[in-house]
Amino acid sequence: MKQKFGLPLVNAHTHAAMVAFRGMAEDLHLEEWLNDYIWPAEKQRVSSDFIYEQTKKAVLEMQKNGIKVFSDMYFFEERVAEVAEELGIRVVLGEGLLDFPTPGAKTPAETLEKTEKLLIKYRDNPLVKVAVAPHSIYTVSKKNLLKANQLAEKYQAIFHIHLAETKKEFDECLAKNKLTPVAYLDKLGILNERAILAHCVWVTDDDIKILAERKANVVHCSLSNLKLGSGVAPIAKMLDSGINVCLGTDGAASSNRLDIWEAGKFAALIQKGINLDSSFLPTKEIVKMMTVNGLKALGFSAIDGQNIAEMEKEIEKNNYNFLYALNTSEIDFC
């Protein structure tokens, strides 16, 4: 008999259609992985129909793994919305903004225009929310980051960005701006409770204080960070500082799995190991990261008749000793 688990799992950062590139480029650093393999493949293969077809595969995989909500950053996101409505899954989607042409738009201005249309179209949709989604501080200029933030402010939308993922990004930002990536975004006035920051591997203690003060949300992508050799985010410190930390798989090209249960296991075990303390990130904390923390970050107060307060009470009542023992195939996500 399967173990019952009645809470909704949340994948707070992914690129769903990248399931098509799973296993394509292994054992590479992020820059080589992106520049030499992923971006050329996207240029060649990504289209509106590609996004629809591959996102459908990814969503079916996520639903099988108990994921009820996901946050997507990619291209042709109107097709992601179609899939969400067809398969009955909640999504916060964002059209990827970069300074150079993307498969979905020729210019940053076109991406922002497309994003605004999506914000208006899905304003009251029960399944689909829209975020403003600049890719990163190294692919989006200060000017375009500010324009993106203005759009997010106008619609009180989520601002979803990759941040402080690698040492290279950290060092280059420090050299160019005399600021860490976190401090740079803070100086631009971007950090607030609607900011969703994927990765945050390379952060200082001062950065953690800033994130806590601004009430920004961090999405920890344990498997992707390990596979790309990016490092280990200090999430135990972040949680101790009161930061809302949730979990993401990243795309299946970099994490290989669209499995938040697995991502949570790895997140806990890594923190225990690097801190030399088995008490770090107990199972209840991981379950919160998998569920209610993700809902909070994505702006959901309730889902499927359960509100966050009720879910938190449910988590406190259980010890979830089966977290490490079972895989998703052994769990009934009721």
C-alpha atoms as a PDB file:
ATOM      1  CA  MET A   1       0.000   0.000   0.000  1.00  0.00           C
ATOM      2  CA  LYS A   2       1.273   3.457  -0.916  1.00  0.00           C
ATOM      3  CA  GLN A   3       1.959   6.168   1.673  1.00  0.00           C
ATOM      4  CA  LYS A   4      -0.650   8.917   1.495  1.00  0.00           C
ATOM      5  CA  PHE A   5       0.534  12.538   1.176  1.00  0.00           C
ATOM      6  CA  GLY A   6      -2.226  15.126   0.936  1.00  0.00           C
ATOM      7  CA  LEU A   7      -0.308  18.385   0.488  1.00  0.00           C
ATOM      8  CA  PRO A   8       0.283  20.022  -2.915  1.00  0.00           C
ATOM      9  CA  LEU A   9       3.886  19.985  -4.075  1.00  0.00           C
ATOM     10  CA  VAL A  10       5.127  23.198  -5.699  1.00  0.00           C
ATOM     11  CA  ASN A  11       7.855  23.483  -8.321  1.00  0.00           C
ATOM     12  CA  ALA A  12       8.767  27.154  -7.923  1.00  0.00           C
ATOM     13  CA  HIS A  13      11.330  27.365 -10.724  1.00  0.00           C
ATOM     14  CA  THR A  14      11.490  25.417 -13.960  1.00  0.00           C
ATOM     15  CA  HIS A  15      11.652  25.663 -17.729  1.00  0.00           C
ATOM     16  CA  ALA A  16       9.107  22.968 -18.499  1.00  0.00           C
ATOM     17  CA  ALA A  17       9.656  22.517 -22.240  1.00  0.00           C
ATOM     18  CA  MET A  18      13.372  21.891 -21.657  1.00  0.00           C
ATOM     19  CA  VAL A  19      12.323  18.311 -20.932  1.00  0.00           C
ATOM     20  CA  ALA A  20      13.167  17.900 -24.633  1.00  0.00           C
ATOM     21  CA  PHE A  21      16.847  18.543 -23.872  1.00  0.00           C
ATOM     22  CA  ARG A  22      17.138  16.126 -20.956  1.00  0.00           C
ATOM     23  CA  GLY A  23      20.507  14.358 -21.033  1.00  0.00           C
ATOM     24  CA  MET A  24      21.709  16.366 -24.032  1.00  0.00           C
ATOM     25  CA  ALA A  25      24.746  18.033 -22.442  1.00  0.00           C
ATOM     26  CA  GLU A  26      26.157  16.447 -19.311  1.00  0.00           C
ATOM     27  CA  ASP A  27      29.202  17.147 -17.091  1.00  0.00           C
ATOM     28  CA  LEU A  28      29.548  20.793 -18.160  1.00  0.00           C
ATOM     29  CA  HIS A  29      29.790  24.116 -16.331  1.00  0.00           C
ATOM     30  CA  LEU A  30      26.806  26.451 -16.714  1.00  0.00           C
ATOM     31  CA  GLU A  31      28.474  28.858 -19.188  1.00  0.00           C
ATOM     32  CA  GLU A  32      29.623  26.086 -21.546  1.00  0.00           C
ATOM     33  CA  TRP A  33      26.323  24.229 -21.098  1.00  0.00           C
ATOM     34  CA  LEU A  34      24.326  27.349 -22.046  1.00  0.00           C
ATOM     35  CA  ASN A  35      26.526  28.912 -24.721  1.00  0.00           C
ATOM     36  CA  ASP A  36      27.663  25.812 -26.591  1.00  0.00           C
ATOM     37  CA  TYR A  37      24.673  23.499 -26.272  1.00  0.00           C
ATOM     38  CA  ILE A  38      21.408  24.874 -24.891  1.00  0.00           C
ATOM     39  CA  TRP A  39      21.132  28.206 -26.662  1.00  0.00           C
ATOM     40  CA  PRO A  40      22.099  26.733 -30.082  1.00  0.00           C
ATOM     41  CA  ALA A  41      19.568  23.922 -29.567  1.00  0.00           C
ATOM     42  CA  GLU A  42      16.870  26.425 -28.621  1.00  0.00           C
ATOM     43  CA  LYS A  43      17.611  28.530 -31.690  1.00  0.00           C
ATOM     44  CA  GLN A  44      17.244  25.468 -33.880  1.00  0.00           C
ATOM     45  CA  ARG A  45      14.291  23.715 -32.273  1.00  0.00           C
ATOM     46  CA  VAL A  46      12.118  26.002 -30.137  1.00  0.00           C
ATOM     47  CA  SER A  47       8.843  27.102 -31.695  1.00  0.00           C
ATOM     48  CA  SER A  48       5.312  27.698 -30.503  1.00  0.00           C
ATOM     49  CA  ASP A  49       4.304  24.094 -31.209  1.00  0.00           C
ATOM     50  CA  PHE A  50       7.510  22.753 -29.622  1.00  0.00           C
ATOM     51  CA  ILE A  51       6.652  24.604 -26.387  1.00  0.00           C
ATOM     52  CA  TYR A  52       3.107  23.243 -26.368  1.00  0.00           C
ATOM     53  CA  GLU A  53       4.129  19.643 -27.032  1.00  0.00           C
ATOM     54  CA  GLN A  54       7.102  19.530 -24.661  1.00  0.00           C
ATOM     55  CA  THR A  55       5.358  21.441 -21.870  1.00  0.00           C
ATOM     56  CA  LYS A  56       2.528  18.922 -22.032  1.00  0.00           C
ATOM     57  CA  LYS A  57       5.051  16.097 -21.505  1.00  0.00           C
ATOM     58  CA  ALA A  58       6.633  17.976 -18.615  1.00  0.00           C
ATOM     59  CA  VAL A  59       3.323  18.744 -16.907  1.00  0.00           C
ATOM     60  CA  LEU A  60       2.186  15.129 -17.106  1.00  0.00           C
ATOM     61  CA  GLU A  61       5.486  14.124 -15.494  1.00  0.00           C
ATOM     62  CA  MET A  62       5.096  16.766 -12.774  1.00  0.00           C
ATOM     63  CA  GLN A  63       1.518  15.737 -12.038  1.00  0.00           C
ATOM     64  CA  LYS A  64       2.612  12.102 -11.735  1.00  0.00           C
ATOM     65  CA  ASN A  65       5.134  13.340  -9.147  1.00  0.00           C
ATOM     66  CA  GLY A  66       2.505  15.150  -7.074  1.00  0.00           C
ATOM     67  CA  ILE A  67       3.259  18.670  -8.309  1.00  0.00           C
ATOM     68  CA  LYS A  68       0.112  20.816  -8.337  1.00  0.00           C
ATOM     69  CA  VAL A  69       1.696  24.223  -9.026  1.00  0.00           C
ATOM     70  CA  PHE A  70       4.723  25.257 -11.069  1.00  0.00           C
ATOM     71  CA  SER A  71       6.502  28.456 -12.033  1.00  0.00           C
ATOM     72  CA  ASP A  72       7.784  28.537 -15.589  1.00  0.00           C
ATOM     73  CA  MET A  73      10.254  30.836 -17.326  1.00  0.00           C
ATOM     74  CA  TYR A  74      10.709  30.155 -21.016  1.00  0.00           C
ATOM     75  CA  PHE A  75       9.349  31.206 -24.425  1.00  0.00           C
ATOM     76  CA  PHE A  76       5.945  31.211 -26.158  1.00  0.00           C
ATOM     77  CA  GLU A  77       4.416  31.137 -22.695  1.00  0.00           C
ATOM     78  CA  GLU A  78       0.908  31.550 -24.086  1.00  0.00           C
ATOM     79  CA  ARG A  79       1.222  27.888 -25.086  1.00  0.00           C
ATOM     80  CA  VAL A  80       2.201  27.000 -21.502  1.00  0.00           C
ATOM     81  CA  ALA A  81      -1.049  28.651 -20.409  1.00  0.00           C
ATOM     82  CA  GLU A  82      -2.943  26.443 -22.880  1.00  0.00           C
ATOM     83  CA  VAL A  83      -1.398  23.322 -21.398  1.00  0.00           C
ATOM     84  CA  ALA A  84      -2.151  24.442 -17.832  1.00  0.00           C
ATOM     85  CA  GLU A  85      -5.813  24.969 -18.664  1.00  0.00           C
ATOM     86  CA  GLU A  86      -6.076  21.669 -20.552  1.00  0.00           C
ATOM     87  CA  LEU A  87      -4.434  19.574 -17.821  1.00  0.00           C
ATOM     88  CA  GLY A  88      -5.786  21.476 -14.823  1.00  0.00           C
ATOM     89  CA  ILE A  89      -2.536  22.577 -13.206  1.00  0.00           C
ATOM     90  CA  ARG A  90      -1.776  25.963 -11.702  1.00  0.00           C
ATOM     91  CA  VAL A  91       1.097  27.889 -13.241  1.00  0.00           C
ATOM     92  CA  VAL A  92       2.901  31.188 -12.798  1.00  0.00           C
ATOM     93  CA  LEU A  93       4.397  31.758 -16.223  1.00  0.00           C
ATOM     94  CA  GLY A  94       6.875  34.336 -17.471  1.00  0.00           C
ATOM     95  CA  GLU A  95       8.141  35.052 -20.981  1.00  0.00           C
ATOM     96  CA  GLY A  96      11.944  34.949 -20.759  1.00  0.00           C
ATOM     97  CA  LEU A  97      13.439  38.417 -21.221  1.00  0.00           C
ATOM     98  CA  LEU A  98      16.990  38.715 -22.594  1.00  0.00           C
ATOM     99  CA  ASP A  99      18.861  41.568 -24.261  1.00  0.00           C
ATOM    100  CA  PHE A 100      19.311  39.544 -27.458  1.00  0.00           C
ATOM    101  CA  PRO A 101      16.704  37.898 -29.715  1.00  0.00           C
ATOM    102  CA  THR A 102      14.950  34.858 -28.265  1.00  0.00           C
ATOM    103  CA  PRO A 103      12.856  32.167 -29.955  1.00  0.00           C
ATOM    104  CA  GLY A 104       9.772  34.049 -28.770  1.00  0.00           C
ATOM    105  CA  ALA A 105      10.691  37.692 -29.473  1.00  0.00           C
ATOM    106  CA  LYS A 106      13.124  39.670 -31.598  1.00  0.00           C
ATOM    107  CA  THR A 107      13.761  42.423 -29.035  1.00  0.00           C
ATOM    108  CA  PRO A 108      13.458  43.001 -25.271  1.00  0.00           C
ATOM    109  CA  ALA A 109      10.731  45.553 -26.003  1.00  0.00           C
ATOM    110  CA  GLU A 110       8.730  42.881 -27.821  1.00  0.00           C
ATOM    111  CA  THR A 111       9.118  40.517 -24.857  1.00  0.00           C
ATOM    112  CA  LEU A 112       7.863  43.162 -22.429  1.00  0.00           C
ATOM    113  CA  GLU A 113       4.947  43.975 -24.726  1.00  0.00           C
ATOM    114  CA  LYS A 114       4.093  40.288 -24.919  1.00  0.00           C
ATOM    115  CA  THR A 115       4.333  39.992 -21.138  1.00  0.00           C
ATOM    116  CA  GLU A 116       1.953  42.892 -20.619  1.00  0.00           C
ATOM    117  CA  LYS A 117      -0.600  41.322 -22.960  1.00  0.00           C
ATOM    118  CA  LEU A 118      -0.362  38.091 -20.967  1.00  0.00           C
ATOM    119  CA  LEU A 119      -0.743  40.002 -17.688  1.00  0.00           C
ATOM    120  CA  ILE A 120      -3.950  41.552 -18.961  1.00  0.00           C
ATOM    121  CA  LYS A 121      -5.331  38.377 -20.562  1.00  0.00           C
ATOM    122  CA  TYR A 122      -4.855  36.143 -17.502  1.00  0.00           C
ATOM    123  CA  ARG A 123      -5.523  38.721 -14.800  1.00  0.00           C
ATOM    124  CA  ASP A 124      -8.505  36.806 -13.367  1.00  0.00           C
ATOM    125  CA  ASN A 125      -7.701  33.273 -14.516  1.00  0.00           C
ATOM    126  CA  PRO A 126      -8.052  30.648 -11.751  1.00  0.00           C
ATOM    127  CA  LEU A 127      -5.183  28.513 -13.059  1.00  0.00           C
ATOM    128  CA  VAL A 128      -2.798  30.939 -14.765  1.00  0.00           C
ATOM    129  CA  LYS A 129      -0.803  33.793 -13.242  1.00  0.00           C
ATOM    130  CA  VAL A 130       1.754  35.839 -15.142  1.00  0.00           C
ATOM    131  CA  ALA A 131       5.161  36.983 -13.930  1.00  0.00           C
ATOM    132  CA  VAL A 132       7.720  39.347 -15.388  1.00  0.00           C
ATOM    133  CA  ALA A 133      10.739  37.154 -16.072  1.00  0.00           C
ATOM    134  CA  PRO A 134      14.132  38.671 -16.942  1.00  0.00           C
ATOM    135  CA  HIS A 135      16.628  35.847 -17.327  1.00  0.00           C
ATOM    136  CA  SER A 136      19.532  37.157 -15.221  1.00  0.00           C
ATOM    137  CA  ILE A 137      21.711  40.171 -14.426  1.00  0.00           C
ATOM    138  CA  TYR A 138      24.327  38.983 -16.944  1.00  0.00           C
ATOM    139  CA  THR A 139      21.917  38.655 -19.888  1.00  0.00           C
ATOM    140  CA  VAL A 140      19.686  41.661 -19.132  1.00  0.00           C
ATOM    141  CA  SER A 141      20.980  45.234 -18.938  1.00  0.00           C
ATOM    142  CA  LYS A 142      20.274  47.631 -16.098  1.00  0.00           C
ATOM    143  CA  LYS A 143      17.934  49.565 -18.409  1.00  0.00           C
ATOM    144  CA  ASN A 144      15.867  46.486 -19.234  1.00  0.00           C
ATOM    145  CA  LEU A 145      15.862  45.233 -15.635  1.00  0.00           C
ATOM    146  CA  LEU A 146      14.347  48.567 -14.610  1.00  0.00           C
ATOM    147  CA  LYS A 147      11.769  48.388 -17.404  1.00  0.00           C
ATOM    148  CA  ALA A 148      10.865  44.876 -16.303  1.00  0.00           C
ATOM    149  CA  ASN A 149      10.512  46.051 -12.728  1.00  0.00           C
ATOM    150  CA  GLN A 150       8.289  48.947 -13.789  1.00  0.00           C
ATOM    151  CA  LEU A 151       5.993  46.469 -15.537  1.00  0.00           C
ATOM    152  CA  ALA A 152       5.918  44.206 -12.485  1.00  0.00           C
ATOM    153  CA  GLU A 153       5.103  47.187 -10.281  1.00  0.00           C
ATOM    154  CA  LYS A 154       2.332  48.341 -12.627  1.00  0.00           C
ATOM    155  CA  TYR A 155       0.506  45.009 -12.327  1.00  0.00           C
ATOM    156  CA  GLN A 156       1.795  44.003  -8.867  1.00  0.00           C
ATOM    157  CA  ALA A 157       3.193  40.931 -10.585  1.00  0.00           C
ATOM    158  CA  ILE A 158       5.891  38.500  -9.537  1.00  0.00           C
ATOM    159  CA  PHE A 159       9.424  39.370 -10.673  1.00  0.00           C
ATOM    160  CA  HIS A 160      11.146  36.050 -11.480  1.00  0.00           C
ATOM    161  CA  ILE A 161      14.903  35.983 -12.173  1.00  0.00           C
ATOM    162  CA  HIS A 162      17.968  33.733 -11.910  1.00  0.00           C
ATOM    163  CA  LEU A 163      20.350  35.292  -9.388  1.00  0.00           C
ATOM    164  CA  ALA A 164      23.802  34.582  -7.957  1.00  0.00           C
ATOM    165  CA  GLU A 165      23.868  31.107  -9.489  1.00  0.00           C
ATOM    166  CA  THR A 166      27.615  30.816 -10.142  1.00  0.00           C
ATOM    167  CA  LYS A 167      30.891  32.181  -8.796  1.00  0.00           C
ATOM    168  CA  LYS A 168      31.559  33.675 -12.233  1.00  0.00           C
ATOM    169  CA  GLU A 169      28.335  35.695 -12.053  1.00  0.00           C
ATOM    170  CA  PHE A 170      29.181  36.807  -8.508  1.00  0.00           C
ATOM    171  CA  ASP A 171      32.753  37.832  -9.356  1.00  0.00           C
ATOM    172  CA  GLU A 172      31.795  39.654 -12.565  1.00  0.00           C
ATOM    173  CA  CYS A 173      29.033  41.610 -10.840  1.00  0.00           C
ATOM    174  CA  LEU A 174      31.430  42.577  -8.053  1.00  0.00           C
ATOM    175  CA  ALA A 175      34.057  43.723 -10.567  1.00  0.00           C
ATOM    176  CA  LYS A 176      31.608  45.638 -12.754  1.00  0.00           C
ATOM    177  CA  ASN A 177      29.277  47.160 -10.173  1.00  0.00           C
ATOM    178  CA  LYS A 178      31.272  46.991  -6.919  1.00  0.00           C
ATOM    179  CA  LEU A 179      28.234  45.140  -5.583  1.00  0.00           C
ATOM    180  CA  THR A 180      27.194  41.524  -5.129  1.00  0.00           C
ATOM    181  CA  PRO A 181      24.333  40.332  -7.377  1.00  0.00           C
ATOM    182  CA  VAL A 182      21.885  40.616  -4.457  1.00  0.00           C
ATOM    183  CA  ALA A 183      23.092  44.110  -3.537  1.00  0.00           C
ATOM    184  CA  TYR A 184      22.936  45.134  -7.212  1.00  0.00           C
ATOM    185  CA  LEU A 185      19.265  44.170  -7.529  1.00  0.00           C
ATOM    186  CA  ASP A 186      18.585  45.837  -4.194  1.00  0.00           C
ATOM    187  CA  LYS A 187      20.183  49.074  -5.402  1.00  0.00           C
ATOM    188  CA  LEU A 188      17.887  48.953  -8.447  1.00  0.00           C
ATOM    189  CA  GLY A 189      14.888  48.741  -6.105  1.00  0.00           C
ATOM    190  CA  ILE A 190      13.823  45.331  -7.364  1.00  0.00           C
ATOM    191  CA  LEU A 191      13.856  43.244  -4.194  1.00  0.00           C
ATOM    192  CA  ASN A 192      10.528  42.904  -2.385  1.00  0.00           C
ATOM    193  CA  GLU A 193       7.982  40.255  -1.388  1.00  0.00           C
ATOM    194  CA  ARG A 194       7.083  39.664  -5.073  1.00  0.00           C
ATOM    195  CA  ALA A 195      10.666  38.883  -6.078  1.00  0.00           C
ATOM    196  CA  ILE A 196      11.367  35.217  -6.800  1.00  0.00           C
ATOM    197  CA  LEU A 197      15.099  34.600  -6.989  1.00  0.00           C
ATOM    198  CA  ALA A 198      16.185  31.272  -8.437  1.00  0.00           C
ATOM    199  CA  HIS A 199      19.394  29.749  -7.028  1.00  0.00           C
ATOM    200  CA  CYS A 200      21.122  32.344  -4.769  1.00  0.00           C
ATOM    201  CA  VAL A 201      24.084  30.006  -4.363  1.00  0.00           C
ATOM    202  CA  TRP A 202      26.716  32.743  -4.107  1.00  0.00           C
ATOM    203  CA  VAL A 203      25.508  35.065  -1.363  1.00  0.00           C
ATOM    204  CA  THR A 204      27.220  36.728   1.577  1.00  0.00           C
ATOM    205  CA  ASP A 205      25.915  37.142   5.112  1.00  0.00           C
ATOM    206  CA  ASP A 206      25.090  40.756   4.220  1.00  0.00           C
ATOM    207  CA  ASP A 207      23.168  39.527   1.181  1.00  0.00           C
ATOM    208  CA  ILE A 208      21.133  37.217   3.404  1.00  0.00           C
ATOM    209  CA  LYS A 209      20.276  40.173   5.656  1.00  0.00           C
ATOM    210  CA  ILE A 210      19.122  42.160   2.616  1.00  0.00           C
ATOM    211  CA  LEU A 211      16.959  39.294   1.339  1.00  0.00           C
ATOM    212  CA  ALA A 212      15.371  38.889   4.764  1.00  0.00           C
ATOM    213  CA  GLU A 213      14.712  42.617   5.157  1.00  0.00           C
ATOM    214  CA  ARG A 214      13.165  42.877   1.686  1.00  0.00           C
ATOM    215  CA  LYS A 215      11.106  39.701   2.216  1.00  0.00           C
ATOM    216  CA  ALA A 216      12.328  38.317  -1.115  1.00  0.00           C
ATOM    217  CA  ASN A 217      11.716  34.660  -1.951  1.00  0.00           C
ATOM    218  CA  VAL A 218      14.530  32.245  -2.773  1.00  0.00           C
ATOM    219  CA  VAL A 219      14.038  29.136  -4.900  1.00  0.00           C
ATOM    220  CA  HIS A 220      16.607  26.486  -4.076  1.00  0.00           C
ATOM    221  CA  CYS A 221      17.386  24.200  -7.023  1.00  0.00           C
ATOM    222  CA  SER A 222      19.543  21.595  -5.310  1.00  0.00           C
ATOM    223  CA  LEU A 223      19.909  19.095  -8.163  1.00  0.00           C
ATOM    224  CA  SER A 224      20.642  21.641 -10.881  1.00  0.00           C
ATOM    225  CA  ASN A 225      23.212  23.456  -8.727  1.00  0.00           C
ATOM    226  CA  LEU A 226      24.993  20.177  -8.012  1.00  0.00           C
ATOM    227  CA  LYS A 227      24.948  18.860 -11.563  1.00  0.00           C
ATOM    228  CA  LEU A 228      26.305  22.102 -13.069  1.00  0.00           C
ATOM    229  CA  GLY A 229      28.935  22.400 -10.352  1.00  0.00           C
ATOM    230  CA  SER A 230      27.555  25.764  -9.266  1.00  0.00           C
ATOM    231  CA  GLY A 231      27.837  25.107  -5.533  1.00  0.00           C
ATOM    232  CA  VAL A 232      25.483  24.725  -2.586  1.00  0.00           C
ATOM    233  CA  ALA A 233      23.212  27.555  -1.488  1.00  0.00           C
ATOM    234  CA  PRO A 234      23.327  28.326   2.258  1.00  0.00           C
ATOM    235  CA  ILE A 235      19.617  27.717   2.688  1.00  0.00           C
ATOM    236  CA  ALA A 236      19.854  26.689   6.342  1.00  0.00           C
ATOM    237  CA  LYS A 237      21.241  30.169   7.084  1.00  0.00           C
ATOM    238  CA  MET A 238      18.548  31.752   4.940  1.00  0.00           C
ATOM    239  CA  LEU A 239      15.762  29.920   6.741  1.00  0.00           C
ATOM    240  CA  ASP A 240      17.246  30.890  10.120  1.00  0.00           C
ATOM    241  CA  SER A 241      17.156  34.515   8.924  1.00  0.00           C
ATOM    242  CA  GLY A 242      13.447  34.268   8.141  1.00  0.00           C
ATOM    243  CA  ILE A 243      13.744  34.121   4.349  1.00  0.00           C
ATOM    244  CA  ASN A 244      10.999  32.225   2.539  1.00  0.00           C
ATOM    245  CA  VAL A 245      12.921  29.436   0.798  1.00  0.00           C
ATOM    246  CA  CYS A 246      11.091  27.092  -1.539  1.00  0.00           C
ATOM    247  CA  LEU A 247      12.152  24.427  -4.017  1.00  0.00           C
ATOM    248  CA  GLY A 248      12.518  24.182  -7.767  1.00  0.00           C
ATOM    249  CA  THR A 249      13.698  21.489 -10.130  1.00  0.00           C
ATOM    250  CA  ASP A 250      15.019  23.934 -12.735  1.00  0.00           C
ATOM    251  CA  GLY A 251      14.627  22.568 -16.254  1.00  0.00           C
ATOM    252  CA  ALA A 252      14.958  18.852 -16.871  1.00  0.00           C
ATOM    253  CA  ALA A 253      17.991  19.594 -19.033  1.00  0.00           C
ATOM    254  CA  SER A 254      19.984  20.657 -15.974  1.00  0.00           C
ATOM    255  CA  SER A 255      18.331  18.631 -13.204  1.00  0.00           C
ATOM    256  CA  ASN A 256      17.187  15.638 -15.275  1.00  0.00           C
ATOM    257  CA  ARG A 257      14.111  15.157 -13.067  1.00  0.00           C
ATOM    258  CA  LEU A 258      10.899  17.112 -12.560  1.00  0.00           C
ATOM    259  CA  ASP A 259      10.600  15.732  -9.049  1.00  0.00           C
ATOM    260  CA  ILE A 260      10.259  18.067  -6.067  1.00  0.00           C
ATOM    261  CA  TRP A 261      10.233  15.151  -3.634  1.00  0.00           C
ATOM    262  CA  GLU A 262      13.701  14.179  -4.829  1.00  0.00           C
ATOM    263  CA  ALA A 263      14.862  17.813  -4.829  1.00  0.00           C
ATOM    264  CA  GLY A 264      13.739  18.113  -1.206  1.00  0.00           C
ATOM    265  CA  LYS A 265      15.634  14.991  -0.164  1.00  0.00           C
ATOM    266  CA  PHE A 266      18.824  16.270  -1.739  1.00  0.00           C
ATOM    267  CA  ALA A 267      18.352  19.734  -0.249  1.00  0.00           C
ATOM    268  CA  ALA A 268      18.108  18.301   3.257  1.00  0.00           C
ATOM    269  CA  LEU A 269      20.947  15.807   2.957  1.00  0.00           C
ATOM    270  CA  ILE A 270      23.379  18.330   1.470  1.00  0.00           C
ATOM    271  CA  GLN A 271      22.768  20.837   4.263  1.00  0.00           C
ATOM    272  CA  LYS A 272      23.315  18.131   6.881  1.00  0.00           C
ATOM    273  CA  GLY A 273      26.551  17.149   5.199  1.00  0.00           C
ATOM    274  CA  ILE A 274      28.135  20.547   4.592  1.00  0.00           C
ATOM    275  CA  ASN A 275      27.176  21.749   8.082  1.00  0.00           C
ATOM    276  CA  LEU A 276      28.312  18.497   9.756  1.00  0.00           C
ATOM    277  CA  ASP A 277      25.023  18.388  11.644  1.00  0.00           C
ATOM    278  CA  SER A 278      22.277  15.849  11.017  1.00  0.00           C
ATOM    279  CA  SER A 279      19.708  18.090  12.724  1.00  0.00           C
ATOM    280  CA  PHE A 280      19.854  20.652   9.902  1.00  0.00           C
ATOM    281  CA  LEU A 281      16.666  20.906   7.839  1.00  0.00           C
ATOM    282  CA  PRO A 282      14.424  18.395   9.592  1.00  0.00           C
ATOM    283  CA  THR A 283      11.736  16.706   7.553  1.00  0.00           C
ATOM    284  CA  LYS A 284       8.999  19.191   8.546  1.00  0.00           C
ATOM    285  CA  GLU A 285      11.129  22.078   7.246  1.00  0.00           C
ATOM    286  CA  ILE A 286      11.666  20.323   3.936  1.00  0.00           C
ATOM    287  CA  VAL A 287       7.951  19.581   3.580  1.00  0.00           C
ATOM    288  CA  LYS A 288       7.244  23.284   4.132  1.00  0.00           C
ATOM    289  CA  MET A 289       9.743  24.164   1.415  1.00  0.00           C
ATOM    290  CA  MET A 290       8.068  21.665  -0.927  1.00  0.00           C
ATOM    291  CA  THR A 291       4.577  22.985  -0.258  1.00  0.00           C
ATOM    292  CA  VAL A 292       3.491  26.076   1.688  1.00  0.00           C
ATOM    293  CA  ASN A 293       6.687  28.072   1.118  1.00  0.00           C
ATOM    294  CA  GLY A 294       6.247  27.646  -2.623  1.00  0.00           C
ATOM    295  CA  LEU A 295       2.602  28.672  -2.443  1.00  0.00           C
ATOM    296  CA  LYS A 296       3.531  31.791  -0.476  1.00  0.00           C
ATOM    297  CA  ALA A 297       6.249  32.734  -2.973  1.00  0.00           C
ATOM    298  CA  LEU A 298       3.882  32.338  -5.916  1.00  0.00           C
ATOM    299  CA  GLY A 299       1.072  34.274  -4.268  1.00  0.00           C
ATOM    300  CA  PHE A 300      -1.391  31.448  -3.558  1.00  0.00           C
ATOM    301  CA  SER A 301      -3.203  31.626  -0.228  1.00  0.00           C
ATOM    302  CA  ALA A 302      -5.157  28.432  -0.825  1.00  0.00           C
ATOM    303  CA  ILE A 303      -5.385  25.511  -3.241  1.00  0.00           C
ATOM    304  CA  ASP A 304      -7.926  22.705  -3.689  1.00  0.00           C
ATOM    305  CA  GLY A 305      -9.916  23.811  -0.664  1.00  0.00           C
ATOM    306  CA  GLN A 306      -6.884  23.951   1.656  1.00  0.00           C
ATOM    307  CA  ASN A 307      -5.496  27.238   2.881  1.00  0.00           C
ATOM    308  CA  ILE A 308      -1.918  27.797   3.983  1.00  0.00           C
ATOM    309  CA  ALA A 309      -2.766  28.008   7.682  1.00  0.00           C
ATOM    310  CA  GLU A 310      -4.493  24.613   7.528  1.00  0.00           C
ATOM    311  CA  MET A 311      -1.543  23.110   5.669  1.00  0.00           C
ATOM    312  CA  GLU A 312       0.907  24.448   8.240  1.00  0.00           C
ATOM    313  CA  LYS A 313      -1.145  22.849  11.032  1.00  0.00           C
ATOM    314  CA  GLU A 314      -1.128  19.579   9.108  1.00  0.00           C
ATOM    315  CA  ILE A 315       2.656  19.715   8.767  1.00  0.00           C
ATOM    316  CA  GLU A 316       3.089  20.329  12.493  1.00  0.00           C
ATOM    317  CA  LYS A 317       1.020  17.220  13.295  1.00  0.00           C
ATOM    318  CA  ASN A 318       3.265  14.849  11.325  1.00  0.00           C
ATOM    319  CA  ASN A 319       6.934  13.899  11.373  1.00  0.00           C
ATOM    320  CA  TYR A 320       7.228  12.737   7.723  1.00  0.00           C
ATOM    321  CA  ASN A 321       9.771  10.028   8.543  1.00  0.00           C
ATOM    322  CA  PHE A 322       9.033   8.491   5.148  1.00  0.00           C
ATOM    323  CA  LEU A 323      10.618  11.477   3.324  1.00  0.00           C
ATOM    324  CA  TYR A 324      13.946   9.711   2.835  1.00  0.00           C
ATOM    325  CA  ALA A 325      12.603   6.176   2.600  1.00  0.00           C
ATOM    326  CA  LEU A 326      10.150   6.582  -0.276  1.00  0.00           C
ATOM    327  CA  ASN A 327      10.276   7.774  -3.862  1.00  0.00           C
ATOM    328  CA  THR A 328       7.347   9.422  -5.652  1.00  0.00           C
ATOM    329  CA  SER A 329       6.303   6.076  -7.162  1.00  0.00           C
ATOM    330  CA  GLU A 330       5.636   4.822  -3.626  1.00  0.00           C
ATOM    331  CA  ILE A 331       3.453   7.767  -2.588  1.00  0.00           C
ATOM    332  CA  ASP A 332      -0.247   8.407  -3.119  1.00  0.00           C
ATOM    333  CA  PHE A 333      -0.502  12.165  -3.757  1.00  0.00           C
ATOM    334  CA  CYS A 334      -4.149  12.337  -2.768  1.00  0.00           C
END
